[in-house]
Amino acid sequence: MIRNFIMALLCTLFIGACTVTPDGPKQAVNLSAQLKQVAQVDTWELRGKMAFRRGDEAASANLRWKTDGDDFHFRLTNMLGVTMVSMVVDDNGAVLEADGETYKDAVPAPLIYYATGMDVPVAPLLSWIKGMPLATDTYTLNDKGLLATLRSGCSGCQGWDVSYSNYGSVTFSDSVNDSAQKQVWLPHLITLTQEPIQPPPTYSETAPSLTTTLKIRIYQWTIP
């Protein structure tokens, strides 16, 4: 399968890098104001690394993710900068290119799973990655009033726990007044964990029995 080829390449990489990570605000922030600012950020680009682990299976790659509302371009590259997975999502659906092949689907998550073996909750992650919970999520705050942990509650994405750290201040233009600048605190390290599904006692088939961990380390946020 194509995922075996991609996973073999990904396993040659590692998540660590010599970068300076931000340590967050010095004073506590107002959560309502922070989430209001985050909600305004619907066009952004990030660069970093993504690591995946499930049981003895582990992989990592360089990540570049650029969004414009619900549309986005997601790309994974190896340490030489060679693109291994590239996916574009727009009103026409999702198109993924990997290993010289092109694959299409109405939604992106199945394509990512097929190409890499990674079960990525793409739709909620567009909010989670900014440190913004969905209406059905539960969460805790750190001592500066920013999200520390999140427990998913949306339909179809239950079971994901998200932890946040290394918040940094990012400047962006006011959508009403282009000459004005705003600042928002965005996380630079996000870890998503999904525990194995526990089937009912009478369930005869084998349910997933391995914990899945997805770690995203962001080196740079860019907001137009």
N, C-alpha and C. Protein backbone atom coordinates (compact mmCIF):
# COMPACT_ATOMS: atom_id res chain seq x y z
N MET A 1 0.83 -1.20 0.00
CA MET A 1 0.00 0.00 0.00
C MET A 1 0.87 1.25 0.00
N ILE A 2 0.29 2.35 -0.45
CA ILE A 2 1.04 3.59 -0.52
C ILE A 2 1.50 4.05 0.87
N ARG A 3 0.70 3.78 1.91
CA ARG A 3 1.07 4.23 3.24
C ARG A 3 2.38 3.61 3.69
N ASN A 4 2.66 2.35 3.26
CA ASN A 4 3.89 1.68 3.65
C ASN A 4 5.11 2.42 3.11
N PHE A 5 5.00 2.92 1.87
CA PHE A 5 6.09 3.68 1.27
C PHE A 5 6.32 4.98 2.03
N ILE A 6 5.23 5.69 2.33
CA ILE A 6 5.35 6.96 3.03
C ILE A 6 5.87 6.75 4.43
N MET A 7 5.35 5.76 5.14
CA MET A 7 5.79 5.53 6.50
C MET A 7 7.27 5.16 6.56
N ALA A 8 7.75 4.42 5.57
CA ALA A 8 9.16 4.06 5.54
C ALA A 8 10.04 5.30 5.45
N LEU A 9 9.60 6.27 4.63
CA LEU A 9 10.35 7.51 4.51
C LEU A 9 10.25 8.35 5.77
N LEU A 10 9.06 8.43 6.32
CA LEU A 10 8.85 9.25 7.51
C LEU A 10 9.67 8.76 8.68
N CYS A 11 9.87 7.46 8.77
CA CYS A 11 10.57 6.90 9.91
C CYS A 11 12.06 7.24 9.91
N THR A 12 12.57 7.84 8.85
CA THR A 12 13.97 8.25 8.82
C THR A 12 14.15 9.63 9.44
N LEU A 13 13.05 10.30 9.82
CA LEU A 13 13.11 11.66 10.33
C LEU A 13 12.91 11.68 11.83
N PHE A 14 13.05 12.87 12.41
CA PHE A 14 12.84 13.00 13.85
C PHE A 14 12.19 14.33 14.14
N ILE A 15 11.55 14.42 15.32
CA ILE A 15 10.75 15.60 15.65
C ILE A 15 11.57 16.74 16.22
N GLY A 16 12.68 16.46 16.80
CA GLY A 16 13.43 17.49 17.48
C GLY A 16 14.15 18.43 16.53
N ALA A 17 14.44 19.65 17.00
CA ALA A 17 15.20 20.61 16.22
C ALA A 17 15.70 21.68 17.17
N CYS A 18 16.79 22.33 16.77
CA CYS A 18 17.38 23.35 17.62
C CYS A 18 16.69 24.68 17.35
N THR A 19 15.61 24.92 18.01
CA THR A 19 14.88 26.17 17.84
C THR A 19 14.55 26.74 19.21
N VAL A 20 14.34 28.03 19.24
CA VAL A 20 13.95 28.70 20.48
C VAL A 20 12.43 28.68 20.57
N THR A 21 11.89 28.11 21.63
CA THR A 21 10.44 28.02 21.78
C THR A 21 9.94 29.14 22.69
N PRO A 22 8.82 29.77 22.34
CA PRO A 22 8.28 30.84 23.19
C PRO A 22 7.76 30.27 24.50
N ASP A 23 7.73 31.14 25.51
CA ASP A 23 7.31 30.67 26.84
C ASP A 23 6.03 31.32 27.33
N GLY A 24 5.28 31.98 26.41
CA GLY A 24 3.97 32.47 26.77
C GLY A 24 3.99 33.85 27.41
N PRO A 25 2.80 34.36 27.75
CA PRO A 25 2.69 35.70 28.33
C PRO A 25 3.24 35.75 29.75
N LYS A 26 3.69 36.94 30.16
CA LYS A 26 4.19 37.13 31.52
C LYS A 26 3.03 37.30 32.50
N GLN A 27 1.92 37.87 32.00
CA GLN A 27 0.75 38.09 32.83
C GLN A 27 -0.42 37.26 32.29
N ALA A 28 -1.39 37.00 33.15
CA ALA A 28 -2.57 36.24 32.74
C ALA A 28 -3.36 37.04 31.70
N VAL A 29 -3.94 36.33 30.73
CA VAL A 29 -4.71 36.97 29.68
C VAL A 29 -6.20 36.79 29.98
N ASN A 30 -7.00 37.60 29.32
CA ASN A 30 -8.45 37.49 29.42
C ASN A 30 -8.90 36.44 28.41
N LEU A 31 -9.46 35.33 28.88
CA LEU A 31 -9.79 34.22 27.99
C LEU A 31 -10.82 34.62 26.94
N SER A 32 -11.85 35.36 27.33
CA SER A 32 -12.89 35.76 26.37
C SER A 32 -12.29 36.59 25.24
N ALA A 33 -11.42 37.55 25.60
CA ALA A 33 -10.78 38.39 24.58
C ALA A 33 -9.85 37.56 23.71
N GLN A 34 -9.12 36.61 24.34
CA GLN A 34 -8.21 35.75 23.60
C GLN A 34 -8.96 34.90 22.56
N LEU A 35 -10.05 34.26 22.98
CA LEU A 35 -10.80 33.41 22.06
C LEU A 35 -11.47 34.24 20.96
N LYS A 36 -11.86 35.46 21.29
CA LYS A 36 -12.42 36.33 20.26
C LYS A 36 -11.38 36.67 19.21
N GLN A 37 -10.15 36.91 19.65
CA GLN A 37 -9.06 37.18 18.71
C GLN A 37 -8.75 35.95 17.86
N VAL A 38 -8.71 34.77 18.50
CA VAL A 38 -8.41 33.54 17.78
C VAL A 38 -9.47 33.27 16.72
N ALA A 39 -10.74 33.53 17.04
CA ALA A 39 -11.83 33.28 16.10
C ALA A 39 -11.69 34.12 14.83
N GLN A 40 -11.02 35.27 14.94
CA GLN A 40 -10.83 36.12 13.78
C GLN A 40 -9.72 35.61 12.86
N VAL A 41 -8.91 34.70 13.36
CA VAL A 41 -7.79 34.16 12.58
C VAL A 41 -8.27 32.96 11.78
N ASP A 42 -8.76 33.19 10.57
CA ASP A 42 -9.21 32.08 9.73
C ASP A 42 -8.33 31.91 8.50
N THR A 43 -7.33 32.77 8.34
CA THR A 43 -6.33 32.62 7.28
C THR A 43 -4.96 32.65 7.95
N TRP A 44 -4.21 31.56 7.81
CA TRP A 44 -2.92 31.48 8.48
C TRP A 44 -2.03 30.46 7.79
N GLU A 45 -0.75 30.52 8.12
CA GLU A 45 0.21 29.53 7.63
C GLU A 45 1.13 29.16 8.78
N LEU A 46 1.41 27.88 8.91
CA LEU A 46 2.36 27.44 9.93
C LEU A 46 3.42 26.54 9.30
N ARG A 47 4.59 26.57 9.92
CA ARG A 47 5.69 25.69 9.54
C ARG A 47 6.20 25.02 10.80
N GLY A 48 6.49 23.73 10.70
CA GLY A 48 6.98 23.01 11.85
C GLY A 48 7.24 21.56 11.53
N LYS A 49 7.02 20.71 12.51
CA LYS A 49 7.18 19.27 12.34
C LYS A 49 5.97 18.55 12.93
N MET A 50 5.66 17.41 12.36
CA MET A 50 4.56 16.59 12.86
C MET A 50 5.09 15.18 13.11
N ALA A 51 4.80 14.65 14.28
CA ALA A 51 5.22 13.30 14.62
C ALA A 51 4.00 12.45 14.97
N PHE A 52 4.04 11.21 14.58
CA PHE A 52 2.93 10.28 14.79
C PHE A 52 3.46 9.02 15.46
N ARG A 53 2.72 8.52 16.44
CA ARG A 53 3.11 7.25 17.09
C ARG A 53 1.87 6.44 17.41
N ARG A 54 1.93 5.15 17.10
CA ARG A 54 0.89 4.19 17.47
C ARG A 54 1.58 2.87 17.72
N GLY A 55 1.64 2.49 19.00
CA GLY A 55 2.36 1.27 19.35
C GLY A 55 3.83 1.40 19.01
N ASP A 56 4.37 0.43 18.27
CA ASP A 56 5.77 0.46 17.85
C ASP A 56 5.98 1.24 16.56
N GLU A 57 4.89 1.74 15.97
CA GLU A 57 4.96 2.47 14.71
C GLU A 57 5.14 3.95 15.00
N ALA A 58 6.21 4.56 14.46
CA ALA A 58 6.48 5.97 14.71
C ALA A 58 6.97 6.64 13.44
N ALA A 59 6.64 7.90 13.29
CA ALA A 59 7.04 8.63 12.09
C ALA A 59 7.03 10.11 12.37
N SER A 60 7.79 10.89 11.58
CA SER A 60 7.74 12.34 11.69
C SER A 60 8.18 12.95 10.37
N ALA A 61 7.78 14.20 10.15
CA ALA A 61 8.11 14.88 8.90
C ALA A 61 7.98 16.38 9.09
N ASN A 62 8.62 17.13 8.21
CA ASN A 62 8.43 18.58 8.19
C ASN A 62 7.02 18.89 7.71
N LEU A 63 6.43 19.92 8.29
CA LEU A 63 5.04 20.25 8.00
C LEU A 63 4.92 21.71 7.56
N ARG A 64 4.15 21.92 6.51
CA ARG A 64 3.73 23.26 6.13
C ARG A 64 2.24 23.20 5.86
N TRP A 65 1.49 24.06 6.55
CA TRP A 65 0.03 24.03 6.45
C TRP A 65 -0.47 25.45 6.27
N LYS A 66 -1.12 25.71 5.15
CA LYS A 66 -1.62 27.03 4.82
C LYS A 66 -3.12 26.97 4.63
N THR A 67 -3.86 27.85 5.32
CA THR A 67 -5.32 27.81 5.25
C THR A 67 -5.90 29.15 4.83
N ASP A 68 -7.09 29.07 4.27
CA ASP A 68 -7.90 30.24 3.96
C ASP A 68 -9.34 29.84 4.23
N GLY A 69 -9.79 30.06 5.47
CA GLY A 69 -11.10 29.55 5.88
C GLY A 69 -11.07 28.04 5.96
N ASP A 70 -12.01 27.38 5.27
CA ASP A 70 -12.04 25.91 5.26
C ASP A 70 -11.13 25.31 4.18
N ASP A 71 -10.62 26.15 3.28
CA ASP A 71 -9.71 25.68 2.24
C ASP A 71 -8.28 25.66 2.80
N PHE A 72 -7.50 24.65 2.40
CA PHE A 72 -6.12 24.64 2.86
C PHE A 72 -5.21 23.80 1.96
N HIS A 73 -3.91 24.05 2.13
CA HIS A 73 -2.87 23.26 1.47
C HIS A 73 -1.98 22.70 2.56
N PHE A 74 -1.88 21.39 2.61
CA PHE A 74 -1.15 20.66 3.65
C PHE A 74 -0.02 19.89 2.98
N ARG A 75 1.23 20.06 3.49
CA ARG A 75 2.36 19.40 2.82
C ARG A 75 3.33 18.83 3.85
N LEU A 76 3.75 17.59 3.63
CA LEU A 76 4.77 16.93 4.44
C LEU A 76 6.00 16.71 3.58
N THR A 77 7.18 17.07 4.12
CA THR A 77 8.43 16.89 3.39
C THR A 77 9.45 16.17 4.26
N ASN A 78 10.45 15.58 3.61
CA ASN A 78 11.52 14.93 4.37
C ASN A 78 12.62 15.94 4.69
N MET A 79 13.70 15.48 5.31
CA MET A 79 14.75 16.37 5.77
C MET A 79 15.49 17.05 4.61
N LEU A 80 15.35 16.54 3.40
CA LEU A 80 15.96 17.15 2.23
C LEU A 80 15.02 18.13 1.53
N GLY A 81 13.81 18.28 2.06
CA GLY A 81 12.85 19.19 1.47
C GLY A 81 12.03 18.58 0.35
N VAL A 82 12.14 17.27 0.16
CA VAL A 82 11.38 16.59 -0.88
C VAL A 82 9.96 16.33 -0.39
N THR A 83 8.98 16.73 -1.19
CA THR A 83 7.58 16.55 -0.80
C THR A 83 7.19 15.08 -0.86
N MET A 84 6.64 14.58 0.25
CA MET A 84 6.16 13.20 0.31
C MET A 84 4.64 13.14 0.22
N VAL A 85 3.98 14.10 0.85
CA VAL A 85 2.52 14.16 0.81
C VAL A 85 2.12 15.61 0.60
N SER A 86 1.27 15.86 -0.39
CA SER A 86 0.74 17.20 -0.62
C SER A 86 -0.76 17.08 -0.83
N MET A 87 -1.52 17.88 -0.11
CA MET A 87 -2.96 17.80 -0.21
C MET A 87 -3.56 19.20 -0.29
N VAL A 88 -4.50 19.37 -1.23
CA VAL A 88 -5.23 20.62 -1.39
C VAL A 88 -6.71 20.34 -1.13
N VAL A 89 -7.33 21.17 -0.29
CA VAL A 89 -8.75 21.03 0.03
C VAL A 89 -9.44 22.34 -0.32
N ASP A 90 -10.48 22.26 -1.15
CA ASP A 90 -11.27 23.44 -1.49
C ASP A 90 -12.72 23.03 -1.72
N ASP A 91 -13.49 23.88 -2.36
CA ASP A 91 -14.91 23.59 -2.57
C ASP A 91 -15.14 22.36 -3.45
N ASN A 92 -14.14 21.95 -4.20
CA ASN A 92 -14.26 20.78 -5.07
C ASN A 92 -13.91 19.47 -4.38
N GLY A 93 -13.49 19.55 -3.11
CA GLY A 93 -13.12 18.34 -2.38
C GLY A 93 -11.65 18.33 -2.04
N ALA A 94 -11.12 17.14 -1.76
CA ALA A 94 -9.72 16.98 -1.36
C ALA A 94 -8.96 16.22 -2.43
N VAL A 95 -7.76 16.70 -2.74
CA VAL A 95 -6.87 16.04 -3.70
C VAL A 95 -5.52 15.84 -3.02
N LEU A 96 -5.07 14.60 -2.96
CA LEU A 96 -3.81 14.26 -2.32
C LEU A 96 -2.86 13.66 -3.35
N GLU A 97 -1.60 14.09 -3.32
CA GLU A 97 -0.57 13.56 -4.19
C GLU A 97 0.53 12.96 -3.34
N ALA A 98 0.90 11.73 -3.64
CA ALA A 98 1.97 11.03 -2.92
C ALA A 98 2.49 9.89 -3.77
N ASP A 99 3.80 9.70 -3.77
CA ASP A 99 4.42 8.58 -4.49
C ASP A 99 4.04 8.59 -5.97
N GLY A 100 3.91 9.79 -6.55
CA GLY A 100 3.61 9.89 -7.96
C GLY A 100 2.17 9.60 -8.33
N GLU A 101 1.33 9.41 -7.34
CA GLU A 101 -0.08 9.11 -7.59
C GLU A 101 -0.96 10.24 -7.05
N THR A 102 -2.15 10.37 -7.62
CA THR A 102 -3.11 11.38 -7.18
C THR A 102 -4.39 10.70 -6.73
N TYR A 103 -4.89 11.12 -5.57
CA TYR A 103 -6.09 10.53 -4.99
C TYR A 103 -7.07 11.64 -4.64
N LYS A 104 -8.37 11.34 -4.78
CA LYS A 104 -9.40 12.34 -4.54
C LYS A 104 -10.48 11.77 -3.62
N ASP A 105 -11.06 12.67 -2.82
CA ASP A 105 -12.18 12.30 -1.96
C ASP A 105 -12.94 13.58 -1.65
N ALA A 106 -14.15 13.42 -1.16
CA ALA A 106 -14.96 14.59 -0.80
C ALA A 106 -14.41 15.29 0.43
N VAL A 107 -13.76 14.53 1.33
CA VAL A 107 -13.20 15.06 2.56
C VAL A 107 -11.77 14.59 2.72
N PRO A 108 -10.92 15.32 3.48
CA PRO A 108 -9.49 15.00 3.52
C PRO A 108 -9.07 13.86 4.43
N ALA A 109 -9.77 13.63 5.54
CA ALA A 109 -9.29 12.66 6.53
C ALA A 109 -9.03 11.27 5.96
N PRO A 110 -9.92 10.69 5.13
CA PRO A 110 -9.64 9.36 4.58
C PRO A 110 -8.39 9.33 3.71
N LEU A 111 -8.11 10.41 2.99
CA LEU A 111 -6.92 10.45 2.14
C LEU A 111 -5.65 10.46 2.98
N ILE A 112 -5.64 11.23 4.06
CA ILE A 112 -4.47 11.26 4.94
C ILE A 112 -4.22 9.89 5.54
N TYR A 113 -5.29 9.23 5.96
CA TYR A 113 -5.14 7.90 6.56
C TYR A 113 -4.59 6.91 5.55
N TYR A 114 -5.10 6.96 4.33
CA TYR A 114 -4.66 6.01 3.31
C TYR A 114 -3.19 6.21 2.96
N ALA A 115 -2.76 7.47 2.88
CA ALA A 115 -1.40 7.76 2.46
C ALA A 115 -0.37 7.56 3.56
N THR A 116 -0.74 7.85 4.82
CA THR A 116 0.25 7.85 5.89
C THR A 116 -0.07 6.91 7.05
N GLY A 117 -1.30 6.43 7.11
CA GLY A 117 -1.70 5.63 8.26
C GLY A 117 -2.07 6.47 9.47
N MET A 118 -2.06 7.81 9.32
CA MET A 118 -2.37 8.71 10.42
C MET A 118 -3.87 9.01 10.46
N ASP A 119 -4.50 8.74 11.57
CA ASP A 119 -5.92 9.05 11.75
C ASP A 119 -6.04 10.46 12.30
N VAL A 120 -6.07 11.44 11.41
CA VAL A 120 -6.03 12.85 11.81
C VAL A 120 -7.44 13.46 11.78
N PRO A 121 -7.91 14.02 12.89
CA PRO A 121 -9.23 14.67 12.93
C PRO A 121 -9.15 16.05 12.28
N VAL A 122 -9.14 16.09 10.96
CA VAL A 122 -8.80 17.30 10.22
C VAL A 122 -9.73 18.47 10.53
N ALA A 123 -11.04 18.27 10.44
CA ALA A 123 -11.98 19.39 10.61
C ALA A 123 -11.84 20.07 11.97
N PRO A 124 -11.91 19.34 13.09
CA PRO A 124 -11.75 20.03 14.38
C PRO A 124 -10.34 20.55 14.61
N LEU A 125 -9.35 19.92 13.98
CA LEU A 125 -7.97 20.35 14.17
C LEU A 125 -7.73 21.76 13.64
N LEU A 126 -8.52 22.19 12.67
CA LEU A 126 -8.40 23.56 12.17
C LEU A 126 -8.66 24.58 13.28
N SER A 127 -9.51 24.22 14.25
CA SER A 127 -9.74 25.09 15.42
C SER A 127 -8.78 24.75 16.55
N TRP A 128 -8.63 23.45 16.83
CA TRP A 128 -7.79 23.03 17.95
C TRP A 128 -6.36 23.54 17.84
N ILE A 129 -5.82 23.55 16.63
CA ILE A 129 -4.41 23.89 16.47
C ILE A 129 -4.15 25.34 16.87
N LYS A 130 -5.19 26.17 16.86
CA LYS A 130 -5.06 27.57 17.28
C LYS A 130 -5.31 27.75 18.77
N GLY A 131 -5.62 26.66 19.46
CA GLY A 131 -5.95 26.79 20.88
C GLY A 131 -7.38 27.23 21.10
N MET A 132 -8.27 26.84 20.18
CA MET A 132 -9.67 27.24 20.26
C MET A 132 -10.56 26.01 20.36
N PRO A 133 -11.26 25.82 21.49
CA PRO A 133 -12.13 24.66 21.63
C PRO A 133 -13.41 24.81 20.82
N LEU A 134 -13.99 23.67 20.45
CA LEU A 134 -15.31 23.68 19.83
C LEU A 134 -16.36 23.76 20.94
N ALA A 135 -17.59 24.04 20.56
CA ALA A 135 -18.66 24.26 21.55
C ALA A 135 -18.89 23.04 22.43
N THR A 136 -18.65 21.83 21.90
CA THR A 136 -18.92 20.60 22.65
C THR A 136 -17.70 20.10 23.42
N ASP A 137 -16.56 20.77 23.30
CA ASP A 137 -15.34 20.34 23.99
C ASP A 137 -15.33 20.81 25.44
N THR A 138 -14.60 20.08 26.27
CA THR A 138 -14.31 20.54 27.63
C THR A 138 -12.82 20.83 27.71
N TYR A 139 -12.43 21.76 28.59
CA TYR A 139 -11.02 22.15 28.60
C TYR A 139 -10.60 22.68 29.96
N THR A 140 -9.29 22.74 30.16
CA THR A 140 -8.70 23.35 31.35
C THR A 140 -7.75 24.45 30.89
N LEU A 141 -7.43 25.36 31.82
CA LEU A 141 -6.56 26.48 31.51
C LEU A 141 -5.25 26.38 32.29
N ASN A 142 -4.20 27.00 31.73
CA ASN A 142 -2.95 27.08 32.48
C ASN A 142 -2.97 28.31 33.38
N ASP A 143 -1.86 28.58 34.06
CA ASP A 143 -1.85 29.68 35.03
C ASP A 143 -1.90 31.05 34.38
N LYS A 144 -1.78 31.12 33.05
CA LYS A 144 -1.88 32.39 32.34
C LYS A 144 -3.23 32.57 31.65
N GLY A 145 -4.16 31.64 31.89
CA GLY A 145 -5.51 31.76 31.34
C GLY A 145 -5.66 31.26 29.92
N LEU A 146 -4.66 30.55 29.40
CA LEU A 146 -4.72 29.97 28.07
C LEU A 146 -5.02 28.48 28.16
N LEU A 147 -5.52 27.89 27.07
CA LEU A 147 -5.87 26.47 27.08
C LEU A 147 -4.64 25.62 27.44
N ALA A 148 -4.83 24.71 28.39
CA ALA A 148 -3.78 23.76 28.75
C ALA A 148 -4.10 22.38 28.21
N THR A 149 -5.36 21.97 28.36
CA THR A 149 -5.81 20.67 27.84
C THR A 149 -7.21 20.82 27.28
N LEU A 150 -7.55 19.90 26.40
CA LEU A 150 -8.87 19.90 25.77
C LEU A 150 -9.31 18.46 25.58
N ARG A 151 -10.58 18.21 25.83
CA ARG A 151 -11.18 16.90 25.61
C ARG A 151 -12.27 17.04 24.56
N SER A 152 -12.13 16.33 23.45
CA SER A 152 -13.07 16.48 22.34
C SER A 152 -14.44 15.94 22.70
N GLY A 153 -15.47 16.60 22.15
CA GLY A 153 -16.83 16.16 22.37
C GLY A 153 -17.67 16.19 21.12
N CYS A 154 -17.06 16.56 19.99
CA CYS A 154 -17.83 16.68 18.76
C CYS A 154 -18.17 15.31 18.18
N SER A 155 -19.25 15.24 17.45
CA SER A 155 -19.68 13.99 16.84
C SER A 155 -18.65 13.53 15.81
N GLY A 156 -18.19 12.28 15.95
CA GLY A 156 -17.23 11.73 15.01
C GLY A 156 -15.78 11.96 15.40
N CYS A 157 -15.53 12.74 16.47
CA CYS A 157 -14.13 12.96 16.88
C CYS A 157 -13.95 12.76 18.38
N GLN A 158 -14.85 11.98 19.00
CA GLN A 158 -14.73 11.72 20.43
C GLN A 158 -13.47 10.92 20.71
N GLY A 159 -12.96 11.11 21.91
CA GLY A 159 -11.82 10.31 22.34
C GLY A 159 -10.48 10.98 22.17
N TRP A 160 -10.44 12.17 21.56
CA TRP A 160 -9.18 12.88 21.40
C TRP A 160 -8.94 13.82 22.58
N ASP A 161 -7.76 13.72 23.17
CA ASP A 161 -7.30 14.66 24.18
C ASP A 161 -6.20 15.51 23.57
N VAL A 162 -6.23 16.80 23.84
CA VAL A 162 -5.25 17.72 23.27
C VAL A 162 -4.58 18.49 24.40
N SER A 163 -3.26 18.58 24.36
CA SER A 163 -2.53 19.39 25.33
C SER A 163 -1.74 20.47 24.60
N TYR A 164 -1.56 21.61 25.27
CA TYR A 164 -0.94 22.79 24.66
C TYR A 164 0.21 23.31 25.52
N SER A 165 1.22 23.86 24.85
CA SER A 165 2.31 24.54 25.56
C SER A 165 3.05 25.47 24.60
N ASN A 166 3.97 26.23 25.16
CA ASN A 166 4.83 27.13 24.38
C ASN A 166 4.03 28.13 23.54
N TYR A 167 3.14 28.86 24.20
CA TYR A 167 2.39 29.89 23.49
C TYR A 167 3.31 31.05 23.11
N GLY A 168 3.09 31.59 21.91
CA GLY A 168 3.83 32.76 21.46
C GLY A 168 2.88 33.81 20.92
N SER A 169 3.28 35.08 21.00
CA SER A 169 2.46 36.18 20.51
C SER A 169 2.67 36.35 19.02
N VAL A 170 1.55 36.42 18.27
CA VAL A 170 1.59 36.58 16.82
C VAL A 170 0.78 37.81 16.44
N THR A 171 1.36 38.66 15.61
CA THR A 171 0.71 39.90 15.19
C THR A 171 -0.02 39.72 13.87
N PHE A 172 -1.20 40.32 13.76
CA PHE A 172 -1.94 40.27 12.51
C PHE A 172 -2.73 41.55 12.32
N SER A 173 -3.18 41.80 11.09
CA SER A 173 -3.89 43.03 10.76
C SER A 173 -5.34 42.95 11.18
N ASP A 174 -5.87 44.07 11.62
CA ASP A 174 -7.29 44.18 11.96
C ASP A 174 -8.11 44.09 10.67
N SER A 175 -9.10 43.22 10.65
CA SER A 175 -9.92 43.03 9.44
C SER A 175 -10.76 44.26 9.11
N VAL A 176 -11.03 45.10 10.11
CA VAL A 176 -11.81 46.31 9.90
C VAL A 176 -10.91 47.48 9.53
N ASN A 177 -9.83 47.62 10.27
CA ASN A 177 -8.89 48.72 10.04
C ASN A 177 -7.53 48.13 9.69
N ASP A 178 -7.19 48.11 8.40
CA ASP A 178 -5.96 47.46 7.95
C ASP A 178 -4.70 48.08 8.54
N SER A 179 -4.78 49.34 8.95
CA SER A 179 -3.59 50.00 9.51
C SER A 179 -3.35 49.61 10.96
N ALA A 180 -4.36 49.02 11.60
CA ALA A 180 -4.24 48.62 13.00
C ALA A 180 -3.69 47.19 13.10
N GLN A 181 -2.94 46.94 14.14
CA GLN A 181 -2.36 45.62 14.37
C GLN A 181 -2.92 45.02 15.65
N LYS A 182 -3.18 43.72 15.61
CA LYS A 182 -3.64 42.99 16.79
C LYS A 182 -2.63 41.90 17.12
N GLN A 183 -2.70 41.43 18.34
CA GLN A 183 -1.84 40.33 18.76
C GLN A 183 -2.69 39.23 19.37
N VAL A 184 -2.30 38.01 19.09
CA VAL A 184 -3.00 36.85 19.64
C VAL A 184 -1.97 35.82 20.09
N TRP A 185 -2.28 35.09 21.15
CA TRP A 185 -1.38 34.05 21.64
C TRP A 185 -1.75 32.73 20.97
N LEU A 186 -0.78 32.13 20.27
CA LEU A 186 -1.01 30.86 19.59
C LEU A 186 -0.02 29.81 20.09
N PRO A 187 -0.47 28.56 20.24
CA PRO A 187 0.41 27.51 20.75
C PRO A 187 1.47 27.11 19.72
N HIS A 188 2.64 26.71 20.23
CA HIS A 188 3.71 26.24 19.36
C HIS A 188 4.01 24.75 19.58
N LEU A 189 3.31 24.15 20.51
CA LEU A 189 3.43 22.70 20.70
C LEU A 189 2.07 22.15 21.07
N ILE A 190 1.55 21.26 20.23
CA ILE A 190 0.24 20.64 20.44
C ILE A 190 0.41 19.13 20.39
N THR A 191 -0.12 18.44 21.37
CA THR A 191 -0.07 16.97 21.39
C THR A 191 -1.49 16.42 21.46
N LEU A 192 -1.86 15.61 20.47
CA LEU A 192 -3.17 14.98 20.43
C LEU A 192 -3.00 13.50 20.76
N THR A 193 -3.86 13.00 21.63
CA THR A 193 -3.80 11.60 22.05
C THR A 193 -5.19 10.98 21.96
N GLN A 194 -5.26 9.78 21.40
CA GLN A 194 -6.52 9.05 21.34
C GLN A 194 -6.29 7.66 21.93
N GLU A 195 -6.99 7.38 23.02
CA GLU A 195 -6.86 6.08 23.68
C GLU A 195 -7.62 5.03 22.89
N PRO A 196 -7.25 3.74 23.06
CA PRO A 196 -7.95 2.66 22.35
C PRO A 196 -9.43 2.64 22.68
N ILE A 197 -10.24 2.27 21.70
CA ILE A 197 -11.68 2.12 21.90
C ILE A 197 -11.94 0.84 22.66
N GLN A 198 -12.73 0.93 23.72
CA GLN A 198 -13.07 -0.24 24.50
C GLN A 198 -14.42 -0.80 24.03
N PRO A 199 -14.44 -1.97 23.39
CA PRO A 199 -15.70 -2.52 22.88
C PRO A 199 -16.56 -3.11 23.99
N PRO A 200 -17.87 -3.25 23.76
CA PRO A 200 -18.73 -3.92 24.74
C PRO A 200 -18.27 -5.36 24.93
N PRO A 201 -18.60 -5.98 26.09
CA PRO A 201 -18.16 -7.35 26.36
C PRO A 201 -18.60 -8.36 25.30
N THR A 202 -19.73 -8.12 24.63
CA THR A 202 -20.23 -9.09 23.64
C THR A 202 -19.68 -8.83 22.25
N TYR A 203 -18.84 -7.79 22.09
CA TYR A 203 -18.32 -7.44 20.78
C TYR A 203 -17.32 -8.51 20.33
N SER A 204 -17.56 -9.12 19.17
CA SER A 204 -16.77 -10.28 18.75
C SER A 204 -15.54 -9.92 17.94
N GLU A 205 -15.53 -8.73 17.31
CA GLU A 205 -14.39 -8.37 16.47
C GLU A 205 -13.32 -7.65 17.29
N THR A 206 -12.12 -7.58 16.73
CA THR A 206 -11.01 -6.93 17.41
C THR A 206 -11.09 -5.43 17.24
N ALA A 207 -11.16 -4.69 18.35
CA ALA A 207 -11.21 -3.24 18.30
C ALA A 207 -9.79 -2.68 18.37
N PRO A 208 -9.58 -1.43 17.94
CA PRO A 208 -8.26 -0.83 18.05
C PRO A 208 -7.75 -0.89 19.48
N SER A 209 -6.51 -1.32 19.67
CA SER A 209 -5.99 -1.55 21.02
C SER A 209 -4.72 -0.76 21.30
N LEU A 210 -4.38 0.19 20.44
CA LEU A 210 -3.16 0.95 20.62
C LEU A 210 -3.48 2.44 20.74
N THR A 211 -2.75 3.10 21.62
CA THR A 211 -2.90 4.55 21.78
C THR A 211 -2.25 5.26 20.59
N THR A 212 -2.95 6.26 20.06
CA THR A 212 -2.43 7.07 18.96
C THR A 212 -2.02 8.43 19.49
N THR A 213 -0.81 8.87 19.15
CA THR A 213 -0.31 10.18 19.56
C THR A 213 0.14 10.96 18.34
N LEU A 214 -0.32 12.18 18.25
CA LEU A 214 0.06 13.07 17.14
C LEU A 214 0.60 14.36 17.77
N LYS A 215 1.87 14.65 17.49
CA LYS A 215 2.50 15.84 18.06
C LYS A 215 2.87 16.81 16.95
N ILE A 216 2.49 18.07 17.12
CA ILE A 216 2.80 19.12 16.15
C ILE A 216 3.60 20.21 16.85
N ARG A 217 4.83 20.37 16.40
CA ARG A 217 5.69 21.42 16.93
C ARG A 217 5.79 22.53 15.88
N ILE A 218 5.34 23.70 16.22
CA ILE A 218 5.27 24.81 15.27
C ILE A 218 6.43 25.76 15.50
N TYR A 219 7.19 26.01 14.44
CA TYR A 219 8.31 26.94 14.52
C TYR A 219 7.91 28.36 14.13
N GLN A 220 6.90 28.47 13.26
CA GLN A 220 6.50 29.79 12.79
C GLN A 220 5.04 29.84 12.44
N TRP A 221 4.33 30.83 12.98
CA TRP A 221 2.97 31.17 12.59
C TRP A 221 3.04 32.44 11.73
N THR A 222 2.29 32.46 10.63
CA THR A 222 2.18 33.67 9.81
C THR A 222 0.70 33.94 9.57
N ILE A 223 0.28 35.16 9.93
CA ILE A 223 -1.10 35.57 9.70
C ILE A 223 -1.08 36.83 8.85
N PRO A 224 -1.74 36.82 7.68
CA PRO A 224 -1.73 37.98 6.79
C PRO A 224 -2.29 39.22 7.48
